[in-house]
N, C-alpha and C. Protein backbone atom coordinates (compact mmCIF):
# COMPACT_ATOMS: atom_id res chain seq x y z
N MET A 1 -20.41 -55.77 34.97
CA MET A 1 -21.19 -55.17 34.44
C MET A 1 -20.58 -55.74 32.73
N LEU A 2 -21.06 -55.86 31.82
CA LEU A 2 -21.10 -55.69 30.38
C LEU A 2 -22.20 -55.03 29.73
N GLU A 3 -21.55 -54.12 28.69
CA GLU A 3 -22.40 -53.51 27.96
C GLU A 3 -22.90 -54.26 27.11
N VAL A 4 -23.89 -53.82 26.39
CA VAL A 4 -24.26 -54.98 24.45
C VAL A 4 -24.81 -54.01 23.32
N HIS A 5 -23.99 -54.20 22.37
CA HIS A 5 -24.56 -52.39 21.42
C HIS A 5 -25.24 -53.18 20.99
N VAL A 6 -25.85 -53.37 19.71
CA VAL A 6 -26.78 -53.51 19.01
C VAL A 6 -27.97 -52.52 17.78
N ASN A 7 -27.70 -52.52 16.81
CA ASN A 7 -28.31 -51.39 15.77
C ASN A 7 -30.04 -52.36 15.56
N TYR A 8 -30.91 -51.15 16.12
CA TYR A 8 -32.01 -51.83 15.17
C TYR A 8 -32.72 -50.46 13.68
N PRO A 9 -33.51 -51.39 13.72
CA PRO A 9 -33.82 -50.59 11.66
C PRO A 9 -34.55 -49.12 12.72
N THR A 10 -35.17 -49.76 13.08
CA THR A 10 -36.30 -48.27 13.96
C THR A 10 -35.93 -47.73 15.52
N ASP A 11 -37.02 -47.32 15.36
CA ASP A 11 -37.32 -46.56 16.70
C ASP A 11 -37.78 -47.65 17.38
N ALA A 12 -39.20 -47.62 16.79
CA ALA A 12 -39.91 -47.97 17.27
C ALA A 12 -39.28 -49.49 18.06
N GLU A 13 -39.00 -49.71 17.52
CA GLU A 13 -38.46 -51.91 17.77
C GLU A 13 -37.69 -51.61 18.69
N ALA A 14 -36.24 -49.98 18.59
CA ALA A 14 -35.95 -50.04 19.79
C ALA A 14 -36.09 -49.74 21.19
N GLN A 15 -37.77 -49.09 20.94
CA GLN A 15 -37.24 -48.49 21.88
C GLN A 15 -39.05 -49.55 22.91
N SER A 16 -38.96 -50.60 22.42
CA SER A 16 -39.90 -51.96 22.34
C SER A 16 -38.94 -52.82 23.01
N ALA A 17 -37.46 -53.05 22.44
CA ALA A 17 -37.04 -54.24 22.83
C ALA A 17 -35.81 -53.22 24.27
N ALA A 18 -35.65 -52.03 24.11
CA ALA A 18 -35.14 -51.45 25.90
C ALA A 18 -36.49 -51.81 26.35
N ARG A 19 -37.20 -51.53 26.19
CA ARG A 19 -38.95 -51.86 27.32
C ARG A 19 -38.92 -53.13 27.55
N MET A 20 -38.79 -53.94 27.59
CA MET A 20 -38.98 -55.21 27.74
C MET A 20 -37.87 -55.86 28.16
N ALA A 21 -36.58 -55.21 27.85
CA ALA A 21 -35.20 -56.02 28.34
C ALA A 21 -35.38 -55.63 29.46
N VAL A 22 -35.44 -54.53 29.77
CA VAL A 22 -35.50 -53.72 30.81
C VAL A 22 -36.48 -54.32 32.58
N GLU A 23 -37.92 -54.69 31.70
CA GLU A 23 -39.30 -54.76 32.40
C GLU A 23 -38.59 -56.67 32.75
N LYS A 24 -38.32 -57.72 32.07
CA LYS A 24 -37.68 -58.64 32.17
C LYS A 24 -36.29 -59.19 33.24
N ARG A 25 -36.01 -58.22 33.08
CA ARG A 25 -34.25 -57.54 34.64
C ARG A 25 -33.19 -58.32 33.54
N LEU A 26 -33.48 -58.60 32.70
CA LEU A 26 -32.64 -59.21 31.28
C LEU A 26 -31.11 -57.76 31.34
N ALA A 27 -31.64 -56.20 31.30
CA ALA A 27 -30.82 -54.61 31.48
C ALA A 27 -31.07 -54.40 32.56
N ALA A 28 -30.45 -53.88 33.41
CA ALA A 28 -30.97 -52.83 34.58
C ALA A 28 -30.91 -51.34 33.69
N GLY A 29 -30.62 -50.80 32.90
CA GLY A 29 -30.45 -50.09 31.49
C GLY A 29 -30.86 -49.58 30.49
N VAL A 30 -30.83 -49.19 29.43
CA VAL A 30 -30.87 -48.80 28.01
C VAL A 30 -30.89 -48.08 27.57
N ASN A 31 -29.58 -47.57 26.95
CA ASN A 31 -29.21 -46.43 26.14
C ASN A 31 -28.93 -46.45 24.73
N ILE A 32 -30.80 -45.30 24.13
CA ILE A 32 -30.64 -45.27 22.77
C ILE A 32 -30.06 -44.54 21.66
N HIS A 33 -29.41 -44.63 21.49
CA HIS A 33 -28.79 -42.92 21.09
C HIS A 33 -28.68 -42.57 19.62
N GLY A 34 -30.03 -43.49 19.50
CA GLY A 34 -31.37 -42.47 17.90
C GLY A 34 -30.36 -43.25 16.45
N ALA A 35 -30.88 -41.54 15.79
CA ALA A 35 -30.07 -41.90 14.12
C ALA A 35 -28.28 -42.02 13.65
N ILE A 36 -28.46 -43.10 13.14
CA ILE A 36 -27.24 -43.40 12.90
C ILE A 36 -27.40 -44.06 10.99
N HIS A 37 -26.13 -43.76 10.71
CA HIS A 37 -26.06 -44.03 9.32
C HIS A 37 -24.78 -45.72 9.43
N SER A 38 -25.59 -46.45 8.56
CA SER A 38 -24.24 -47.71 8.69
C SER A 38 -24.35 -48.11 7.57
N HIS A 39 -22.87 -48.79 6.86
CA HIS A 39 -22.98 -49.09 5.70
C HIS A 39 -21.89 -50.08 6.27
N TYR A 40 -22.16 -51.47 5.26
CA TYR A 40 -22.14 -52.81 5.45
C TYR A 40 -21.88 -53.58 4.56
N TRP A 41 -22.02 -55.07 4.04
CA TRP A 41 -21.68 -55.83 3.24
C TRP A 41 -23.01 -57.20 3.54
N TRP A 42 -24.18 -57.24 2.69
CA TRP A 42 -25.12 -57.75 3.45
C TRP A 42 -25.37 -58.16 1.56
N ASP A 43 -25.92 -58.80 0.97
CA ASP A 43 -26.27 -60.30 0.22
C ASP A 43 -25.24 -60.31 -0.77
N GLY A 44 -23.88 -60.22 -1.25
CA GLY A 44 -22.69 -60.07 -1.60
C GLY A 44 -22.99 -58.67 -2.24
N ALA A 45 -23.33 -57.20 -1.24
CA ALA A 45 -23.20 -56.15 -1.64
C ALA A 45 -23.32 -55.17 -0.43
N VAL A 46 -21.86 -53.91 -1.60
CA VAL A 46 -21.89 -52.36 -0.07
C VAL A 46 -23.39 -52.11 0.23
N GLN A 47 -24.40 -52.30 1.04
CA GLN A 47 -25.24 -51.66 1.17
C GLN A 47 -25.25 -49.98 2.49
N SER A 48 -26.27 -49.81 3.13
CA SER A 48 -26.37 -48.07 3.66
C SER A 48 -27.39 -47.93 3.54
N ALA A 49 -27.69 -48.09 5.47
CA ALA A 49 -29.30 -47.28 5.85
C ALA A 49 -28.80 -47.36 7.13
N ASN A 50 -30.60 -46.15 7.07
CA ASN A 50 -30.54 -45.87 8.97
C ASN A 50 -30.55 -46.91 9.77
N GLU A 51 -30.29 -46.56 10.74
CA GLU A 51 -30.11 -47.51 12.39
C GLU A 51 -30.53 -46.79 13.72
N VAL A 52 -30.96 -47.34 14.32
CA VAL A 52 -30.86 -46.58 16.05
C VAL A 52 -29.41 -47.22 16.42
N ALA A 53 -28.71 -47.17 17.55
CA ALA A 53 -28.05 -47.69 17.93
C ALA A 53 -28.07 -47.62 20.04
N VAL A 54 -28.18 -49.13 20.03
CA VAL A 54 -29.03 -48.80 21.79
C VAL A 54 -27.56 -49.82 22.41
N VAL A 55 -27.25 -49.27 23.46
CA VAL A 55 -26.02 -50.31 24.03
C VAL A 55 -27.65 -50.37 25.70
N PHE A 56 -26.75 -51.70 25.72
CA PHE A 56 -27.61 -52.60 26.72
C PHE A 56 -27.05 -52.40 28.14
N LYS A 57 -26.81 -51.91 29.31
CA LYS A 57 -26.07 -52.72 30.53
C LYS A 57 -26.70 -53.67 31.45
N THR A 58 -25.91 -54.78 30.72
CA THR A 58 -26.36 -56.04 32.50
C THR A 58 -25.84 -56.52 33.45
N SER A 59 -25.17 -57.53 33.56
CA SER A 59 -25.07 -58.37 34.51
C SER A 59 -24.00 -59.30 33.57
N GLU A 60 -23.23 -60.52 34.05
CA GLU A 60 -22.71 -61.52 34.36
C GLU A 60 -22.97 -61.89 33.69
N GLY A 61 -24.07 -62.81 34.20
CA GLY A 61 -24.91 -63.47 34.55
C GLY A 61 -26.41 -63.41 34.26
N ARG A 62 -25.77 -62.81 33.36
CA ARG A 62 -28.28 -61.98 32.92
C ARG A 62 -27.53 -62.02 30.38
N VAL A 63 -26.51 -62.15 30.92
CA VAL A 63 -25.78 -61.23 29.72
C VAL A 63 -26.42 -62.14 27.87
N ASP A 64 -26.12 -63.97 28.28
CA ASP A 64 -27.01 -64.75 27.14
C ASP A 64 -28.54 -65.01 27.12
N ALA A 65 -29.31 -65.00 28.16
CA ALA A 65 -30.16 -64.27 28.09
C ALA A 65 -31.15 -63.27 27.34
N LEU A 66 -29.92 -62.05 27.89
CA LEU A 66 -30.17 -61.04 27.05
C LEU A 66 -29.72 -61.67 25.53
N ILE A 67 -28.73 -61.99 25.39
CA ILE A 67 -28.27 -61.88 23.54
C ILE A 67 -29.35 -63.21 22.79
N ALA A 68 -30.16 -63.51 23.17
CA ALA A 68 -30.95 -65.19 23.31
C ALA A 68 -32.18 -63.77 22.91
N PHE A 69 -32.60 -63.27 23.61
CA PHE A 69 -33.56 -62.31 24.42
C PHE A 69 -33.44 -61.26 23.06
N ILE A 70 -32.06 -60.34 22.64
CA ILE A 70 -32.76 -59.47 20.90
C ILE A 70 -32.02 -60.78 20.06
N ALA A 71 -31.42 -61.79 20.58
CA ALA A 71 -31.70 -62.26 18.48
C ALA A 71 -33.08 -62.61 18.67
N GLY A 72 -33.25 -63.36 19.70
CA GLY A 72 -35.04 -64.10 19.17
C GLY A 72 -35.76 -62.59 18.72
N GLY A 73 -35.72 -61.84 19.15
CA GLY A 73 -36.74 -60.69 18.54
C GLY A 73 -36.61 -59.95 17.49
N HIS A 74 -35.85 -59.79 17.46
CA HIS A 74 -34.67 -58.54 16.26
C HIS A 74 -35.34 -58.33 15.26
N SER A 75 -35.78 -57.90 13.84
CA SER A 75 -36.08 -58.05 12.75
C SER A 75 -35.03 -58.51 12.23
N TYR A 76 -33.88 -58.18 12.57
CA TYR A 76 -33.50 -58.89 11.45
C TYR A 76 -32.40 -60.21 10.95
N GLU A 77 -32.28 -60.25 10.53
CA GLU A 77 -31.65 -62.35 10.49
C GLU A 77 -30.35 -61.90 10.85
N THR A 78 -29.37 -61.66 11.12
CA THR A 78 -28.57 -61.90 11.48
C THR A 78 -27.87 -59.97 12.35
N PRO A 79 -28.71 -60.25 13.46
CA PRO A 79 -28.35 -59.52 14.23
C PRO A 79 -26.98 -58.95 14.88
N GLY A 80 -26.31 -57.28 14.41
CA GLY A 80 -25.29 -57.24 15.17
C GLY A 80 -24.57 -57.42 17.04
N VAL A 81 -25.69 -58.15 17.61
CA VAL A 81 -24.92 -58.44 18.93
C VAL A 81 -23.63 -58.08 19.41
N VAL A 82 -22.69 -57.04 20.13
CA VAL A 82 -21.58 -57.15 20.86
C VAL A 82 -21.04 -56.98 22.02
N VAL A 83 -20.66 -57.76 22.33
CA VAL A 83 -20.99 -57.37 24.13
C VAL A 83 -19.25 -56.81 24.62
N HIS A 84 -19.09 -55.45 25.06
CA HIS A 84 -18.46 -54.65 25.54
C HIS A 84 -18.16 -54.95 27.31
N ARG A 85 -16.85 -55.09 27.58
CA ARG A 85 -16.60 -55.33 29.38
C ARG A 85 -15.97 -53.75 29.41
N PRO A 86 -16.16 -53.35 29.96
CA PRO A 86 -15.46 -51.68 30.31
C PRO A 86 -14.44 -52.17 31.17
N VAL A 87 -13.73 -51.52 31.26
CA VAL A 87 -12.17 -50.91 31.53
C VAL A 87 -13.19 -51.13 33.23
N ARG A 88 -12.82 -49.77 33.00
CA ARG A 88 -13.26 -49.57 35.06
C ARG A 88 -15.10 -48.69 34.63
N ALA A 89 -16.07 -49.01 36.17
CA ALA A 89 -16.73 -48.00 36.47
C ALA A 89 -17.23 -48.18 38.40
N HIS A 90 -17.89 -46.66 38.08
CA HIS A 90 -17.71 -46.38 39.40
C HIS A 90 -18.91 -47.98 40.06
N ALA A 91 -18.23 -48.24 40.86
CA ALA A 91 -18.52 -48.83 41.69
C ALA A 91 -20.13 -49.07 42.42
N PRO A 92 -20.79 -47.82 42.86
CA PRO A 92 -22.20 -48.46 42.98
C PRO A 92 -22.81 -48.08 41.81
N TYR A 93 -22.91 -48.34 40.40
CA TYR A 93 -23.20 -48.31 39.43
C TYR A 93 -22.92 -50.23 38.75
N LEU A 94 -21.88 -50.30 39.54
CA LEU A 94 -21.77 -51.97 39.09
C LEU A 94 -23.01 -52.78 39.69
N ALA A 95 -23.09 -51.81 41.65
CA ALA A 95 -23.45 -52.49 42.01
C ALA A 95 -25.22 -52.93 41.44
N TRP A 96 -25.55 -51.38 41.56
CA TRP A 96 -26.75 -51.17 40.75
C TRP A 96 -27.49 -52.45 40.07
N ILE A 97 -26.07 -51.98 39.27
CA ILE A 97 -26.58 -52.90 37.08
C ILE A 97 -26.52 -54.60 38.01
N GLU A 98 -25.56 -55.29 39.07
CA GLU A 98 -26.40 -56.47 39.30
C GLU A 98 -27.94 -57.52 40.75
N ARG A 99 -27.64 -55.76 41.34
CA ARG A 99 -28.62 -55.33 42.11
C ARG A 99 -30.01 -55.29 40.62
N GLU A 100 -29.88 -55.15 39.78
CA GLU A 100 -31.27 -54.81 39.43
C GLU A 100 -31.42 -55.49 37.50
N THR A 101 -30.48 -56.79 37.79
CA THR A 101 -31.06 -58.01 36.74
C THR A 101 -30.81 -59.35 37.63
N LEU A 102 -30.86 -59.28 39.55
CA LEU A 102 -31.24 -60.02 39.39
C LEU A 102 -32.62 -60.84 38.96
N GLU A 103 -32.66 -62.46 38.65
CA GLU A 103 -34.14 -62.76 38.34
C GLU A 103 -35.09 -62.87 39.89
N VAL A 104 -36.75 -62.55 39.30
CA VAL A 104 -37.17 -62.52 40.08
C VAL A 104 -37.66 -63.82 40.14
N ALA A 105 -38.36 -64.50 40.78
CA ALA A 105 -39.48 -65.85 40.76
C ALA A 105 -40.52 -65.25 40.53
N PRO A 106 -41.30 -65.95 39.66
CA PRO A 106 -42.60 -65.17 38.92
C PRO A 106 -43.89 -65.38 39.88
């Protein structure tokens, strides 16, 4: 199991990406954490913006496709897509993620 973290500029964009990722079985589930405020360097200056934090739960076998999906549909030029591997997780939960991210034949 892997967690893929990324921020979106709006709730609507986050909700759309989350729904599509689950429908495409790129993620077994997605948590949308809501409004956050970010500070970062961009275009040679410190910027700040309201964003929406999102965590996609996926399998090792689907993570590359999920990253490509996020990057390809994100409105940011350089979305901060970061993958984390949990130290531990409940075995039935891990099995559920693996099962729900299996590719389905068209």
